[in-house]
């Protein structure tokens, strides 16, 4: 039964603070009514941060990749809302869940389902949720129905309320929704009306309480809620995103005193309070709908909304369809895309996934102009969208247009005819440098966002856009700077604004025009002066007149050229400022008084060349009873070459400032001396050679990072440290014994640039140490008598020159070994009598060890090793023996520049190997007929690159396995052709990449496999010349490939 609270219970477990750090990986996957093994495996991989585009249709590859990711890891996976109709039998579940078995002890998989047959198929412990008891139902109902959370003040309503609760039949969702419906409603008649409603007795798949909640929604909320049927189940949306959608559809009335955005905010809050929207458990900044609420939205929207979801292959759009959303990863699956041409009444076109290649190929040039009624168009991340058709200017109804993250080069001038346009988003369009000249004609434009787009100057008369509320950047024109006056006319500006090129305001009078202190909706302001400015008191006048409203939350100032800051900076009236960043104000000699900003949490001051002291003025008004910097959590001073002294708040009030500071970073302050007045839990000191502070007294210090500082800091480090990173201490010969004592709490130690460092410790490492990372410590020795059993990660870069043989058996619990630049390392050794040598090892990487010759005789046993990488080991002659037996879990093998390796070991490679790189291993490539890849059932990705001059055609027949998904070929100077007959046997090949093959070209009758969806070609001069003409014969051989990238 839906609505019992299964998902809520799983969320409580998943988000419990005790889970933090307990699992290596966590993933939440919403299944709903579309359980497909391929889709679910892909979704889990994406939740774990692994891209899957090119392997999207190959289940074997996906499952092997997932198995590698989970190998030896403890993970928590939640599969929410699984249905019986999708899991047909135990074998299907077994096939899907097989990768989970590679996890470490303590791994947990939680499945929520409405159907007991699902639990029986899964064959695990069942927690059967029951309906709530009457008293519990009443408590939940009261919490949502009464302002006080109980009915004590309204006993006359309790009798009716308990009868209403009975009709909810113990379903928490129904109880909560009905309670929210009656929130603060004290009229007995209204309560009786709900209790007596005939909806309770209707036979329907929709829970009566939900239908009742919808029935009593005001008309304006009914429209807004029904529109949300455009979102797929389990989709989390942002509040601002949805409000802009409602606004584009005309659901939000214009008027005063509230703006459309504020009205939308009220509507949204109302739907949240009625429990129709709920905060996402995965992202607290987003919201979603319960599956049953989503069903209700689809029910009430009827034919007006159509969702094309994964698995759908046709657009069944009727004449009544007004809103269309795509929730598919590949539009190649759509068979009847032409149906859109009949949807002339369509108002919303919303791709849910970011990348939709078909949008640029088919929709933008041809289809969009035909959909004259469109109000909302989202073409975001259409990677082949380089232009919009001029005819877009005829689409008079467009309110919202988004072409962000596209390679679009220019917006057509006709776009300025869209007099109803309210929102224009062109974020991160790297090829777009100008806005249309007549942008001021977009008289209803409210939101113009071109963040991260290199627009060079503002169009004229921008101040005429009197409705504008969002303008992410204003560039002061170079001619006179008078253009900044346009800002003053934009009375409704809010959100975030960057004013750049302020050096172009030649006269301070030019800044008198744009009044910012009346812009009460503005939350973030960045002021930027560029270039090598001289001391300029006129810039002080500019800054004086750019004083923002006191509602501001974030302020950044870059390149300011005045000697002192304006008085408004640091004024306690700016009670909402949480983040303040001051950068490269190189003539400023006094820091502004910032200590009395009551909400300031993050402060960064950098590149102040003239500041020589942090004195009492920095703390603000000394007569104030407020403790300076009382809310500050993060403080950074950086690149202050003259800074010598940091004064405490006052001897009589020592410790009165910075009461909540968590992190302090001081970087490149070479003259700073004395004691630090504060010691937070995390301290970073870099390039401060004169600074000596009493670290042992810092009882709260847990993380310490030191770089090129006074070595006196090392004499008495606090034993409570958990993480220590030290860099560039040339004279340091050993780590202090006190820190390396067994009573230490140290868990992570990172050392870099210790050119004189010889020893970590004579007594041994702390028993708590888990991570050791060493860089640029060539003299450092690795004692063989110490106990390294606590270590889980060891990384060495350009260190341990004295090390010739690495003793694997001394590190029994390592999960990751990285050895790079060990110039004299010759071999690995291991005690043969050990049954299991490296039971936890999952990653082994060896790089740039020119004298490394061999692995242990007979190989080494690492049952959980997944990643094995060896590069630039020119003396290595062979890989470990018995790899197929001793490394049973190996998934990825990468060999690079190992020219003496001639073959793989006798017995071949492990059967679970799915990915292999062979790069610049000329002898191994020359003996490619002995690779034996046909015997590897899991191999999916092969990358072969080298300078073998004998390779003229590749690959030879039978060389590669038929189940290969991705193939990369490169750096064959004499390769003239591909062996197309051999390639055609690769029926699963999806991705083909060819690099640096200057003599390669297509033959007359040849073609590539039909399965290929992505082709990459780079630095292949003859082949690229053949493919220049889109109508040529060579081009016709690859036209069937959807994604082609040449050079």
Foldseek 3Di string as FASTA:
>chain_A
DPQQCLVVVVLCVLPPPVCVVVWPEEFEAECAANDDLLVVLQRRCVRRPHDCVLPSPPNLQSLLVLLLVQAATAYEYEYEEDDCVRVPALVSVCSSCVSVVRHHPNHYYHYDYPDVVVVVSVVDDDDDRDFDDLVVLQQLLLCLQEPVSHCPVPVVLSVLLSLLSVLQVRRSLLSNLLSLLNHVPRDPVVSVCSSPDPLSVDDDPAHSSLVSSLVPDPPLLNVLLLVVLQDDAPDWDALVVSLLVCVLVVSFDDDPDDGSSVSSVVSVVSCVSSVQKDQDSVDNRIIHGHPSSSVVSCVVNDLQEDEAAPPDAEDPHDQNHAEYEYHYDENVSHDHPVVLLVNLNHAYYYYPDQEYQVCQVPPQPPNPLSNLNYAEDAQHNNAARQEGDLSVLSSQSHAEYAHANYCHQAYDLSVLSNLNHAEYHHEQNANYAAHRQNVLSNQNHAAYHHHNYNHPAHHPPVLSNQNHAYDQEHEQDQPASLRVLSQLSNQAHAEHYEYEQNVSNVALVSLQRRAAQNHLRHAEYEYYHDDDDEQDVRLQSNQQRHDHHLNYAEYEYYQRRYQAHDLVVQPCSSQRHAYYYYEQNANHADDAQNFNNNRHAEYEYENHARHAEADLNNNPDPPDPDQGQPRYAEYEYENHARHAYYDANDPVCQPSHPVRYAEYAYEQHQRYEDEDSDAHQAYHYENHAHYDYDQQVNPNHAHYEYENYHPVNQADHHLNYAEYEYEAPAPDAEHDVSNQDQVGNYAEYHYENNQNHAEHDPVAGHLNHAYYAYYNHANYADDPPHQQANYAEYHYELYHLVAAEAEQQSHQRYQEYHAENNARHAEYEYDPVDPARHARHAYYEYYQHQRHAYYYVQFHAYASHAYAEYENHQRYQADGEPQQPRHQSHAEYEYYNNQNHQAHHPVAHHQSHAEYEAYANQNNVVVLVRNPQQSRPSHAEYEYYHAHQVAQEDDDAPSHHLQHAEYEYENHARHAEYPQVNQQSNQNHAEYEYYQHQNYADDQPHAGHLNYQEYEAENHVVHVVQPVDCPHSRNVRCVSHNHYHYD
